[in-house]
N, C-alpha and C. Protein backbone atom coordinates (compact mmCIF):
# COMPACT_ATOMS: atom_id res chain seq x y z
N MET A 1 -37.91 -3.45 43.39
CA MET A 1 -36.82 -3.21 44.04
C MET A 1 -36.50 -4.09 44.94
N ILE A 2 -37.51 -5.38 45.19
CA ILE A 2 -37.11 -6.61 45.81
C ILE A 2 -36.39 -7.57 45.14
N ARG A 3 -36.94 -7.51 43.72
CA ARG A 3 -36.22 -8.59 42.70
C ARG A 3 -34.88 -8.31 42.43
N LYS A 4 -34.85 -6.81 42.83
CA LYS A 4 -33.40 -6.45 42.29
C LYS A 4 -32.55 -7.51 43.62
N VAL A 5 -33.06 -7.06 44.92
CA VAL A 5 -32.33 -7.58 45.99
C VAL A 5 -32.24 -9.28 46.05
N LEU A 6 -33.31 -9.66 45.67
CA LEU A 6 -33.20 -11.26 45.30
C LEU A 6 -31.98 -11.50 44.12
N ILE A 7 -31.77 -10.94 43.04
CA ILE A 7 -31.15 -11.24 41.91
C ILE A 7 -29.58 -10.96 42.69
N LEU A 8 -29.24 -9.81 43.34
CA LEU A 8 -28.06 -9.55 44.10
C LEU A 8 -27.93 -10.80 45.17
N PHE A 9 -28.91 -11.32 45.77
CA PHE A 9 -28.31 -12.30 46.62
C PHE A 9 -28.15 -13.80 46.20
N ALA A 10 -28.50 -13.94 45.03
CA ALA A 10 -28.48 -15.03 44.31
C ALA A 10 -27.08 -15.10 43.47
N TRP A 11 -26.88 -13.82 43.26
CA TRP A 11 -25.71 -13.73 42.49
C TRP A 11 -24.09 -14.21 43.56
N PHE A 12 -24.26 -13.82 44.49
CA PHE A 12 -22.87 -13.86 45.32
C PHE A 12 -22.78 -15.31 45.41
N PRO A 13 -24.00 -16.53 45.81
CA PRO A 13 -23.83 -17.78 46.10
C PRO A 13 -22.92 -18.40 44.72
N LEU A 14 -23.66 -17.83 43.77
CA LEU A 14 -23.35 -18.51 42.66
C LEU A 14 -21.71 -17.91 42.15
N ALA A 15 -21.53 -17.12 42.43
CA ALA A 15 -19.92 -16.50 41.79
C ALA A 15 -19.10 -17.23 43.17
N ALA A 16 -19.63 -17.55 44.12
CA ALA A 16 -18.76 -18.38 44.73
C ALA A 16 -18.35 -19.69 44.45
N ILE A 17 -19.10 -20.43 44.14
CA ILE A 17 -19.58 -21.55 43.81
C ILE A 17 -18.97 -21.56 42.38
N THR A 18 -18.90 -21.01 41.33
CA THR A 18 -18.19 -21.21 40.21
C THR A 18 -16.37 -20.47 40.46
N ILE A 19 -16.28 -19.52 41.42
CA ILE A 19 -14.70 -19.65 41.78
C ILE A 19 -14.23 -20.99 42.26
N GLY A 20 -14.95 -21.39 43.11
CA GLY A 20 -14.39 -22.66 43.80
C GLY A 20 -14.34 -23.79 43.18
N PHE A 21 -15.19 -23.93 41.75
CA PHE A 21 -15.22 -24.99 40.75
C PHE A 21 -14.11 -24.83 39.89
N ASN A 22 -13.67 -23.34 39.61
CA ASN A 22 -12.64 -23.45 38.89
C ASN A 22 -10.96 -23.58 39.33
N ILE A 23 -11.03 -23.24 40.67
CA ILE A 23 -9.74 -23.28 41.84
C ILE A 23 -9.75 -25.03 41.61
N ASN A 24 -10.75 -25.71 42.03
CA ASN A 24 -10.53 -27.10 42.19
C ASN A 24 -9.82 -27.83 40.62
N LEU A 25 -10.38 -27.32 39.54
CA LEU A 25 -10.14 -27.68 38.40
C LEU A 25 -8.53 -27.50 37.86
N LEU A 26 -8.34 -26.45 38.46
CA LEU A 26 -6.74 -25.62 38.38
C LEU A 26 -5.82 -26.85 38.95
N THR A 27 -6.34 -27.01 40.10
CA THR A 27 -5.69 -27.74 41.12
C THR A 27 -5.35 -29.29 40.90
N GLU A 28 -6.46 -29.65 40.60
CA GLU A 28 -6.53 -31.39 40.22
C GLU A 28 -5.89 -31.66 39.69
N GLY A 29 -5.36 -33.15 40.06
CA GLY A 29 -4.30 -33.67 39.48
C GLY A 29 -2.88 -33.61 40.00
N HIS A 30 -2.54 -32.25 40.61
CA HIS A 30 -1.35 -31.99 41.30
C HIS A 30 -0.90 -32.37 42.51
N ASP A 31 -0.11 -32.91 42.76
CA ASP A 31 0.13 -33.40 44.30
C ASP A 31 0.12 -32.46 45.37
N ASP A 32 1.09 -31.20 44.84
CA ASP A 32 1.27 -30.38 45.97
C ASP A 32 0.33 -29.30 45.73
N HIS A 33 -0.95 -29.28 44.95
CA HIS A 33 -1.94 -28.40 44.90
C HIS A 33 -1.45 -27.40 44.53
N SER A 34 -0.51 -27.02 43.39
CA SER A 34 -0.29 -25.88 43.15
C SER A 34 -0.08 -25.75 41.56
N VAL A 35 0.17 -24.89 40.89
CA VAL A 35 0.16 -24.80 39.42
C VAL A 35 1.57 -24.47 38.71
N ARG A 36 1.76 -25.10 38.40
CA ARG A 36 3.08 -25.07 37.62
C ARG A 36 3.23 -24.43 36.51
N PRO A 37 4.35 -23.69 36.24
CA PRO A 37 4.42 -22.68 35.22
C PRO A 37 5.08 -23.76 33.99
N THR A 38 4.62 -23.47 32.82
CA THR A 38 4.82 -24.24 31.67
C THR A 38 6.41 -23.33 31.07
N VAL A 39 7.09 -24.39 30.55
CA VAL A 39 8.72 -23.31 30.81
C VAL A 39 8.63 -23.61 29.13
N PHE A 40 9.10 -22.94 28.22
CA PHE A 40 9.56 -23.11 26.88
C PHE A 40 10.58 -22.57 26.72
N TYR A 41 11.21 -23.55 25.67
CA TYR A 41 12.48 -23.55 25.45
C TYR A 41 12.79 -22.88 23.67
N ALA A 42 13.50 -21.69 23.63
CA ALA A 42 13.64 -20.96 22.32
C ALA A 42 14.81 -21.85 21.45
N SER A 43 14.98 -21.77 20.21
CA SER A 43 15.74 -22.51 19.44
C SER A 43 17.01 -21.57 19.68
N PRO A 44 18.30 -21.80 19.37
CA PRO A 44 19.37 -20.97 19.50
C PRO A 44 19.58 -20.23 18.64
N LEU A 45 19.90 -18.95 18.73
CA LEU A 45 20.07 -17.94 17.46
C LEU A 45 21.40 -17.98 16.98
N VAL A 46 22.06 -19.07 16.84
CA VAL A 46 23.47 -19.53 16.41
C VAL A 46 23.44 -20.77 16.22
N ASN A 47 24.30 -21.64 15.12
CA ASN A 47 24.52 -23.06 14.96
C ASN A 47 25.67 -23.28 15.35
N GLU A 48 25.85 -24.56 15.53
CA GLU A 48 27.10 -25.33 16.24
C GLU A 48 28.14 -24.39 15.59
N ASN A 49 28.65 -23.41 14.52
CA ASN A 49 30.10 -23.16 14.29
C ASN A 49 29.52 -21.44 14.90
N ASN A 50 28.95 -21.19 15.59
CA ASN A 50 28.69 -19.95 16.18
C ASN A 50 28.30 -19.02 15.38
N ASN A 51 27.69 -19.45 14.15
CA ASN A 51 27.75 -18.13 13.05
C ASN A 51 25.96 -18.16 13.26
N PRO A 52 25.60 -16.66 12.99
CA PRO A 52 24.04 -16.45 13.36
C PRO A 52 23.58 -17.31 12.10
N LEU A 53 22.18 -17.78 12.53
CA LEU A 53 20.86 -18.57 11.64
C LEU A 53 20.69 -17.71 10.70
N LYS A 54 20.57 -18.23 9.45
CA LYS A 54 19.67 -17.47 8.48
C LYS A 54 18.75 -18.50 8.49
N GLY A 55 17.52 -17.56 8.04
CA GLY A 55 16.09 -18.07 8.31
C GLY A 55 16.00 -18.70 6.79
N SER A 56 14.67 -19.06 6.47
CA SER A 56 14.42 -19.34 4.80
C SER A 56 13.99 -18.33 4.33
N GLY A 57 13.12 -17.27 5.13
CA GLY A 57 12.99 -16.18 4.24
C GLY A 57 11.70 -16.43 3.52
N LYS A 58 11.05 -17.84 4.43
CA LYS A 58 9.64 -18.10 3.86
C LYS A 58 8.73 -17.77 4.84
N ILE A 59 7.63 -17.30 4.89
CA ILE A 59 6.77 -17.08 5.57
C ILE A 59 5.11 -17.46 4.63
N LEU A 60 5.03 -18.45 5.44
CA LEU A 60 3.42 -19.05 4.59
C LEU A 60 3.59 -18.93 3.31
N GLY A 61 4.87 -19.61 2.48
CA GLY A 61 4.90 -19.84 1.58
C GLY A 61 5.67 -18.80 0.40
N ALA A 62 5.81 -17.31 1.29
CA ALA A 62 6.37 -16.34 0.27
C ALA A 62 7.67 -15.78 0.94
N ALA A 63 8.31 -15.42 0.01
CA ALA A 63 9.84 -15.10 0.36
C ALA A 63 9.45 -13.74 0.84
N VAL A 64 10.78 -13.56 2.03
CA VAL A 64 10.45 -12.06 2.36
C VAL A 64 11.85 -11.31 1.86
N VAL A 65 11.45 -10.74 1.29
CA VAL A 65 12.99 -9.89 0.62
C VAL A 65 13.11 -8.16 1.49
N SER A 66 14.36 -7.96 1.98
CA SER A 66 14.62 -6.82 2.60
C SER A 66 14.44 -5.82 1.61
N GLY A 67 14.40 -4.65 1.41
CA GLY A 67 14.65 -3.34 0.53
C GLY A 67 13.20 -2.60 0.49
N ASP A 68 13.67 -1.50 -0.68
CA ASP A 68 12.44 -1.08 -0.80
C ASP A 68 11.17 -1.65 -1.63
N GLY A 69 10.10 -1.20 -0.97
CA GLY A 69 8.86 -2.09 -1.33
C GLY A 69 7.91 -1.40 -1.99
N ARG A 70 8.81 -0.07 -2.91
CA ARG A 70 7.69 0.53 -3.60
C ARG A 70 7.47 0.04 -4.82
N GLU A 71 8.48 -0.74 -5.50
CA GLU A 71 8.40 -1.46 -6.69
C GLU A 71 7.20 -2.65 -6.56
N LEU A 72 7.46 -3.28 -5.73
CA LEU A 72 6.49 -4.33 -5.26
C LEU A 72 5.28 -3.71 -5.31
N LEU A 73 5.46 -3.09 -4.50
CA LEU A 73 3.72 -2.35 -4.44
C LEU A 73 2.92 -1.46 -5.63
N LEU A 74 4.12 -0.87 -6.60
CA LEU A 74 3.87 -0.38 -7.87
C LEU A 74 3.39 -1.51 -8.71
N SER A 75 3.86 -2.75 -8.78
CA SER A 75 3.64 -3.55 -9.81
C SER A 75 2.64 -4.29 -9.60
N GLU A 76 1.71 -4.20 -8.24
CA GLU A 76 0.67 -4.88 -7.92
C GLU A 76 -0.63 -3.82 -8.46
N PHE A 77 -0.19 -2.56 -8.22
CA PHE A 77 -1.26 -1.28 -9.11
C PHE A 77 -0.81 -1.70 -10.13
N LEU A 78 0.02 -1.98 -11.01
CA LEU A 78 0.01 -1.19 -12.64
C LEU A 78 -0.18 -3.36 -13.09
N LYS A 79 -0.63 -4.00 -12.30
CA LYS A 79 -0.79 -5.77 -12.80
C LYS A 79 -2.13 -5.22 -14.20
N ASP A 80 -1.48 -6.50 -15.01
CA ASP A 80 -2.66 -6.52 -16.32
C ASP A 80 -2.74 -5.21 -16.80
N SER A 81 -1.74 -4.44 -16.48
CA SER A 81 -1.72 -3.55 -17.66
C SER A 81 -0.73 -3.15 -18.49
N PRO A 82 -0.39 -2.00 -19.57
CA PRO A 82 0.93 -2.06 -20.32
C PRO A 82 2.17 -1.78 -19.77
N LEU A 83 1.82 -1.20 -18.60
CA LEU A 83 2.74 -0.15 -17.61
C LEU A 83 3.66 -1.22 -16.96
N ALA A 84 2.75 -2.74 -16.59
CA ALA A 84 2.79 -3.49 -15.29
C ALA A 84 5.09 -3.57 -15.33
N PRO A 85 5.35 -4.04 -16.67
CA PRO A 85 6.72 -4.74 -16.78
C PRO A 85 7.56 -3.24 -16.06
N TYR A 86 6.99 -1.84 -16.00
CA TYR A 86 8.07 -0.65 -15.95
C TYR A 86 8.12 0.05 -14.82
N ALA A 87 7.61 -1.09 -13.35
CA ALA A 87 7.00 -0.42 -12.19
C ALA A 87 8.62 0.13 -12.02
N GLY A 88 9.69 -0.49 -12.28
CA GLY A 88 11.17 -0.08 -11.44
C GLY A 88 11.62 0.97 -12.42
N VAL A 89 11.42 0.96 -13.60
CA VAL A 89 11.70 2.13 -14.36
C VAL A 89 10.82 3.55 -13.62
N ILE A 90 9.68 3.25 -13.43
CA ILE A 90 8.67 4.91 -12.92
C ILE A 90 9.62 5.21 -11.48
N VAL A 91 9.86 3.91 -10.35
CA VAL A 91 10.76 4.52 -9.49
C VAL A 91 11.79 4.98 -9.43
N ALA A 92 12.72 4.29 -10.13
CA ALA A 92 13.86 4.84 -10.53
C ALA A 92 13.86 6.38 -11.15
N GLU A 93 12.94 6.30 -11.96
CA GLU A 93 12.87 7.89 -12.63
C GLU A 93 12.40 9.06 -11.64
N ALA A 94 11.75 8.21 -10.78
CA ALA A 94 10.98 9.46 -9.60
C ALA A 94 12.21 10.17 -8.51
N ASP A 95 13.16 8.71 -8.49
CA ASP A 95 14.15 9.07 -7.55
C ASP A 95 15.04 9.90 -8.20
N LEU A 96 15.30 9.99 -9.37
CA LEU A 96 16.16 10.47 -10.48
C LEU A 96 15.79 12.07 -10.02
N TYR A 97 14.64 12.48 -9.79
CA TYR A 97 14.16 13.89 -9.89
C TYR A 97 13.84 14.08 -8.30
N ASP A 98 13.97 13.14 -7.83
CA ASP A 98 13.33 13.58 -6.21
C ASP A 98 11.84 13.84 -6.20
N MET A 99 11.32 13.68 -6.61
CA MET A 99 9.63 13.14 -6.37
C MET A 99 8.79 12.06 -6.38
N ASP A 100 8.05 12.43 -5.60
CA ASP A 100 6.71 10.85 -5.29
C ASP A 100 6.46 10.28 -6.63
N TYR A 101 7.12 8.82 -6.41
CA TYR A 101 7.22 7.89 -7.52
C TYR A 101 5.37 7.72 -7.73
N ARG A 102 4.64 8.11 -6.86
CA ARG A 102 3.03 7.73 -6.71
C ARG A 102 2.30 8.62 -8.02
N ILE A 103 3.11 9.90 -8.37
CA ILE A 103 2.21 10.80 -9.14
C ILE A 103 2.16 10.29 -10.74
N ILE A 104 3.06 9.95 -10.84
CA ILE A 104 3.16 9.38 -12.50
C ILE A 104 2.41 8.17 -12.52
N PRO A 105 2.07 7.02 -12.39
CA PRO A 105 0.95 5.96 -12.07
C PRO A 105 0.03 6.58 -11.75
N ALA A 106 -0.39 7.55 -10.86
CA ALA A 106 -1.72 8.05 -10.90
C ALA A 106 -2.40 8.91 -11.73
N ILE A 107 -1.11 9.64 -12.31
CA ILE A 107 -1.88 10.37 -13.67
C ILE A 107 -1.99 9.48 -14.57
N ALA A 108 -1.38 8.48 -14.85
CA ALA A 108 -1.63 7.71 -15.76
C ALA A 108 -2.96 6.95 -15.64
N MET A 109 -3.39 6.37 -14.58
CA MET A 109 -4.46 5.61 -14.20
C MET A 109 -5.50 6.91 -14.49
N CYS A 110 -5.68 7.82 -14.25
CA CYS A 110 -6.87 8.90 -14.46
C CYS A 110 -6.92 8.90 -15.76
N GLU A 111 -5.80 9.59 -16.57
CA GLU A 111 -5.94 9.75 -18.14
C GLU A 111 -5.92 8.66 -19.29
N SER A 112 -5.67 7.60 -18.52
CA SER A 112 -6.14 6.34 -19.62
C SER A 112 -6.01 4.99 -19.19
N ASN A 113 -6.48 4.66 -17.70
CA ASN A 113 -6.44 3.77 -17.06
C ASN A 113 -5.27 3.05 -17.17
N LEU A 114 -4.25 3.37 -16.88
CA LEU A 114 -2.80 3.06 -17.00
C LEU A 114 -2.58 2.13 -18.56
N GLY A 115 -2.78 2.92 -19.62
CA GLY A 115 -2.55 2.83 -20.37
C GLY A 115 -3.22 1.62 -21.27
N ARG A 116 -4.50 1.44 -20.88
CA ARG A 116 -5.17 0.86 -21.60
C ARG A 116 -6.02 1.48 -22.53
N ARG A 117 -6.26 2.75 -22.32
CA ARG A 117 -7.09 3.61 -23.59
C ARG A 117 -6.04 4.76 -23.58
N ILE A 118 -5.57 4.47 -24.65
CA ILE A 118 -4.71 5.33 -25.26
C ILE A 118 -4.99 5.77 -26.73
N PRO A 119 -4.91 7.31 -27.13
CA PRO A 119 -4.97 7.14 -28.67
C PRO A 119 -4.81 6.51 -29.46
N SER A 120 -3.66 5.61 -29.46
CA SER A 120 -3.15 4.77 -30.44
C SER A 120 -2.11 3.74 -29.54
N ARG A 121 -2.41 2.49 -30.37
CA ARG A 121 -1.40 1.61 -29.20
C ARG A 121 0.03 2.05 -29.30
N ASP A 122 0.33 2.24 -30.27
CA ASP A 122 2.01 2.69 -30.77
C ASP A 122 2.35 4.21 -30.42
N SER A 123 1.48 4.81 -29.31
CA SER A 123 1.74 6.09 -28.93
C SER A 123 2.57 6.16 -27.71
N PHE A 124 2.19 5.07 -27.05
CA PHE A 124 2.87 5.02 -25.64
C PHE A 124 2.43 6.31 -24.56
N ASN A 125 1.40 6.70 -24.56
CA ASN A 125 1.12 7.85 -24.19
C ASN A 125 -0.17 7.84 -23.19
N ALA A 126 0.32 7.35 -21.89
CA ALA A 126 -0.84 6.96 -21.03
C ALA A 126 -0.90 8.04 -20.09
N TRP A 127 -0.41 9.23 -20.28
CA TRP A 127 -0.49 10.56 -19.26
C TRP A 127 -1.31 11.74 -20.53
N GLY A 128 -2.13 11.19 -20.96
CA GLY A 128 -3.07 12.46 -21.77
C GLY A 128 -2.08 13.64 -22.32
N ILE A 129 -0.77 13.48 -22.73
CA ILE A 129 -0.01 14.24 -23.12
C ILE A 129 -0.19 14.73 -24.40
N ALA A 130 -0.65 16.40 -24.57
CA ALA A 130 -1.18 16.83 -25.64
C ALA A 130 -2.15 16.11 -26.49
N VAL A 131 -2.93 15.84 -25.57
CA VAL A 131 -4.39 15.19 -25.88
C VAL A 131 -5.41 15.99 -25.40
N TYR A 132 -6.21 16.85 -26.21
CA TYR A 132 -6.33 18.28 -25.77
C TYR A 132 -8.23 17.90 -25.67
N SER A 133 -8.62 18.44 -25.09
CA SER A 133 -10.46 18.07 -24.78
C SER A 133 -11.10 18.01 -26.14
N GLY A 134 -11.17 17.02 -26.43
CA GLY A 134 -12.23 16.53 -27.74
C GLY A 134 -11.25 15.85 -29.06
N ALA A 135 -10.15 15.89 -28.77
CA ALA A 135 -8.98 15.46 -29.60
C ALA A 135 -8.82 14.11 -29.65
N SER A 136 -8.56 13.41 -30.87
CA SER A 136 -8.26 12.04 -30.98
C SER A 136 -6.72 11.81 -31.04
N GLY A 137 -6.02 12.40 -31.23
CA GLY A 137 -4.68 12.38 -30.92
C GLY A 137 -3.88 12.70 -29.85
N GLY A 138 -2.36 13.17 -29.66
CA GLY A 138 -1.43 13.71 -28.47
C GLY A 138 0.04 13.05 -28.99
N ALA A 139 0.53 13.28 -27.87
CA ALA A 139 1.83 12.94 -27.99
C ALA A 139 2.39 11.63 -28.43
N ARG A 140 3.46 11.18 -29.00
CA ARG A 140 3.87 10.00 -29.42
C ARG A 140 5.19 9.76 -28.72
N PHE A 141 5.29 8.19 -28.18
CA PHE A 141 6.49 8.06 -27.71
C PHE A 141 7.02 6.73 -28.36
N THR A 142 8.47 6.89 -28.30
CA THR A 142 9.00 5.12 -29.11
C THR A 142 9.01 4.19 -28.05
N ASP A 143 8.52 4.68 -26.86
CA ASP A 143 8.12 2.86 -26.47
C ASP A 143 7.66 3.49 -24.82
N TRP A 144 7.85 2.18 -24.13
CA TRP A 144 7.02 2.77 -22.35
C TRP A 144 8.20 3.57 -21.45
N PRO A 145 9.34 2.96 -21.75
CA PRO A 145 10.40 3.42 -20.60
C PRO A 145 10.81 4.64 -21.46
N GLY A 146 10.82 5.01 -22.70
CA GLY A 146 11.26 6.47 -23.09
C GLY A 146 9.88 7.39 -22.77
N ALA A 147 8.72 6.85 -22.72
CA ALA A 147 7.67 7.99 -22.12
C ALA A 147 7.80 7.79 -20.70
N ILE A 148 7.92 6.90 -19.90
CA ILE A 148 7.96 7.11 -18.47
C ILE A 148 9.01 8.01 -17.84
N GLN A 149 10.31 8.13 -18.71
CA GLN A 149 11.47 9.20 -18.43
C GLN A 149 11.03 10.54 -18.89
N TRP A 150 10.22 10.67 -20.27
CA TRP A 150 10.23 11.79 -20.50
C TRP A 150 9.17 12.60 -19.56
N VAL A 151 7.93 11.80 -19.20
CA VAL A 151 6.94 12.33 -18.57
C VAL A 151 7.25 12.70 -17.02
N THR A 152 8.07 11.89 -16.52
CA THR A 152 8.85 12.55 -15.04
C THR A 152 9.55 13.56 -15.40
N ARG A 153 10.71 13.53 -16.05
CA ARG A 153 11.45 14.64 -16.32
C ARG A 153 10.25 15.86 -16.67
N TYR A 154 9.49 15.50 -17.60
CA TYR A 154 8.37 17.02 -17.75
C TYR A 154 7.71 17.27 -16.61
N VAL A 155 7.27 16.27 -15.54
CA VAL A 155 6.37 16.68 -14.21
C VAL A 155 7.38 17.30 -13.18
N HIS A 156 8.59 16.80 -13.53
CA HIS A 156 9.51 17.69 -12.36
C HIS A 156 10.13 19.10 -13.11
N GLU A 157 10.56 19.74 -14.35
CA GLU A 157 10.74 20.48 -14.81
C GLU A 157 9.48 21.88 -14.88
N LYS A 158 8.43 20.89 -15.03
CA LYS A 158 7.35 22.10 -15.09
C LYS A 158 6.82 22.08 -13.91
N TYR A 159 6.71 21.46 -12.85
CA TYR A 159 5.62 21.29 -11.65
C TYR A 159 6.50 21.15 -10.36
N THR A 160 7.21 20.02 -10.40
CA THR A 160 7.49 19.73 -8.70
C THR A 160 8.85 20.40 -8.61
N GLY A 161 9.69 20.27 -9.99
CA GLY A 161 10.68 21.31 -9.58
C GLY A 161 10.64 22.56 -9.35
N LYS A 162 9.54 23.16 -9.67
CA LYS A 162 9.38 24.71 -9.43
C LYS A 162 8.73 24.93 -8.00
N GLY A 163 8.57 23.59 -7.23
CA GLY A 163 7.89 23.93 -5.71
C GLY A 163 6.50 23.61 -5.99
N ILE A 164 5.56 23.42 -7.46
CA ILE A 164 4.61 23.04 -7.41
C ILE A 164 4.01 21.76 -7.10
N ILE A 165 3.54 21.65 -5.68
CA ILE A 165 3.33 20.18 -5.54
C ILE A 165 1.93 20.12 -5.21
N ASP A 166 1.46 20.89 -5.13
CA ASP A 166 -0.38 20.80 -4.55
C ASP A 166 -1.10 20.07 -6.19
N LEU A 167 -1.53 19.18 -5.60
CA LEU A 167 -2.11 18.41 -7.17
C LEU A 167 -3.30 19.77 -7.35
N LYS A 168 -4.34 20.32 -7.00
CA LYS A 168 -5.08 21.48 -7.68
C LYS A 168 -4.46 22.10 -8.45
N SER A 169 -3.19 22.67 -7.89
CA SER A 169 -2.42 23.88 -8.66
C SER A 169 -1.70 23.06 -10.00
N ILE A 170 -1.38 21.70 -9.86
CA ILE A 170 -0.91 21.13 -10.86
C ILE A 170 -1.91 20.59 -11.88
N GLY A 171 -3.30 20.34 -11.32
CA GLY A 171 -4.39 19.94 -12.27
C GLY A 171 -4.81 21.25 -12.78
N SER A 172 -4.68 22.34 -12.50
CA SER A 172 -5.48 23.78 -13.07
C SER A 172 -4.55 24.10 -14.67
N ILE A 173 -3.15 23.22 -14.33
CA ILE A 173 -2.64 23.75 -15.45
C ILE A 173 -2.64 22.34 -16.38
N TRP A 174 -2.51 21.20 -15.93
CA TRP A 174 -2.16 19.94 -16.80
C TRP A 174 -3.80 19.72 -17.40
N ALA A 175 -4.96 20.02 -16.60
CA ALA A 175 -6.22 19.66 -17.27
C ALA A 175 -7.07 20.74 -16.55
N PRO A 176 -7.27 21.92 -17.45
CA PRO A 176 -7.74 23.17 -17.06
C PRO A 176 -9.13 22.99 -16.79
N PRO A 177 -9.95 22.44 -17.83
CA PRO A 177 -11.62 22.27 -17.68
C PRO A 177 -11.93 21.14 -16.47
N SER A 178 -11.45 20.65 -15.77
CA SER A 178 -11.45 20.02 -14.23
C SER A 178 -11.35 20.86 -13.32
N VAL A 179 -10.86 21.96 -13.07
CA VAL A 179 -11.53 22.92 -11.96
C VAL A 179 -13.03 23.18 -11.95
N ASP A 180 -13.21 23.81 -12.81
CA ASP A 180 -15.10 24.06 -13.04
C ASP A 180 -15.66 23.09 -12.60
N LYS A 181 -15.08 21.28 -12.83
CA LYS A 181 -15.38 20.69 -12.45
C LYS A 181 -15.22 19.92 -10.92
N GLY A 182 -15.13 20.55 -9.63
CA GLY A 182 -14.58 20.44 -8.67
C GLY A 182 -13.15 20.00 -8.34
N HIS A 183 -12.56 20.59 -9.16
CA HIS A 183 -11.06 19.88 -9.13
C HIS A 183 -10.97 18.29 -9.76
N SER A 184 -11.90 17.67 -10.92
CA SER A 184 -11.85 16.42 -10.34
C SER A 184 -10.68 15.86 -11.03
N TRP A 185 -9.84 16.31 -12.12
CA TRP A 185 -8.63 15.62 -12.25
C TRP A 185 -7.67 15.73 -10.67
N ALA A 186 -7.49 16.61 -10.17
CA ALA A 186 -6.51 16.17 -9.10
C ALA A 186 -7.28 15.66 -7.81
N ASN A 187 -8.40 15.29 -7.66
CA ASN A 187 -9.29 14.49 -7.02
C ASN A 187 -8.94 13.28 -7.37
N CYS A 188 -8.92 12.62 -8.60
CA CYS A 188 -8.67 11.36 -9.47
C CYS A 188 -7.01 11.37 -8.72
N VAL A 189 -6.38 11.80 -9.36
CA VAL A 189 -4.95 11.65 -8.85
C VAL A 189 -4.73 11.30 -7.41
N GLU A 190 -5.23 12.09 -6.80
CA GLU A 190 -5.20 12.17 -5.48
C GLU A 190 -5.64 10.77 -4.91
N THR A 191 -6.59 10.29 -5.00
CA THR A 191 -7.14 8.73 -4.76
C THR A 191 -6.55 7.73 -5.27
N PHE A 192 -6.09 7.99 -6.63
CA PHE A 192 -4.82 6.49 -6.73
C PHE A 192 -3.71 6.63 -6.43
N MET A 193 -2.85 8.20 -5.63
CA MET A 193 -1.88 8.11 -4.87
C MET A 193 -1.81 7.25 -3.76
N LYS A 194 -3.36 7.42 -3.19
CA LYS A 194 -3.47 7.11 -1.62
C LYS A 194 -3.52 5.53 -1.35
N THR A 195 -3.78 5.08 -3.08
CA THR A 195 -3.99 3.46 -3.06
C THR A 195 -2.63 3.08 -2.83
N LEU A 196 -1.67 3.98 -3.13
CA LEU A 196 -0.06 3.61 -3.58
C LEU A 196 0.73 3.68 -2.36
N GLU A 197 -0.29 4.29 -1.01
CA GLU A 197 0.63 4.54 0.32
C GLU A 197 0.80 3.24 0.99
């Protein structure tokens, strides 16, 4: 108990000395012993012709572009995959059917690692369309844009256009064996959709 009282009595003088020292440092060098505020002047928001200034659009060397960021986000997600050049096609097709743009690439990621593991290079089938368990083939498309258009329309007509938007409900039709595995297909698609948020 005595030790606590001694610490308390030592604290008060030390605190007073520290405060006094800091006040002395702040006022030192000023004739009137007052702290003067620093005034910052902002650059004008208009140029000499009274037109709004336009910035360079560069922040740390990157251009700032206004608009829809989904394509940029999707391009990063699709990077180094066969689908990489088609981020804009995916977004445009999803918008055409008023559906979440993330579902098409998320399914492709779960079914084929974004087209990296497909039945054959010329099948353009990154979504496992008509690739049934144990089968080595499946649906074939003529090119990536055509495949994206077909799959997006298919998802809309078979699921989202009918109000089926729950991934577990879609998964029970798209990949029925996954239901017995704890809805593994739906969980996979949901995981990759979240990475695109």
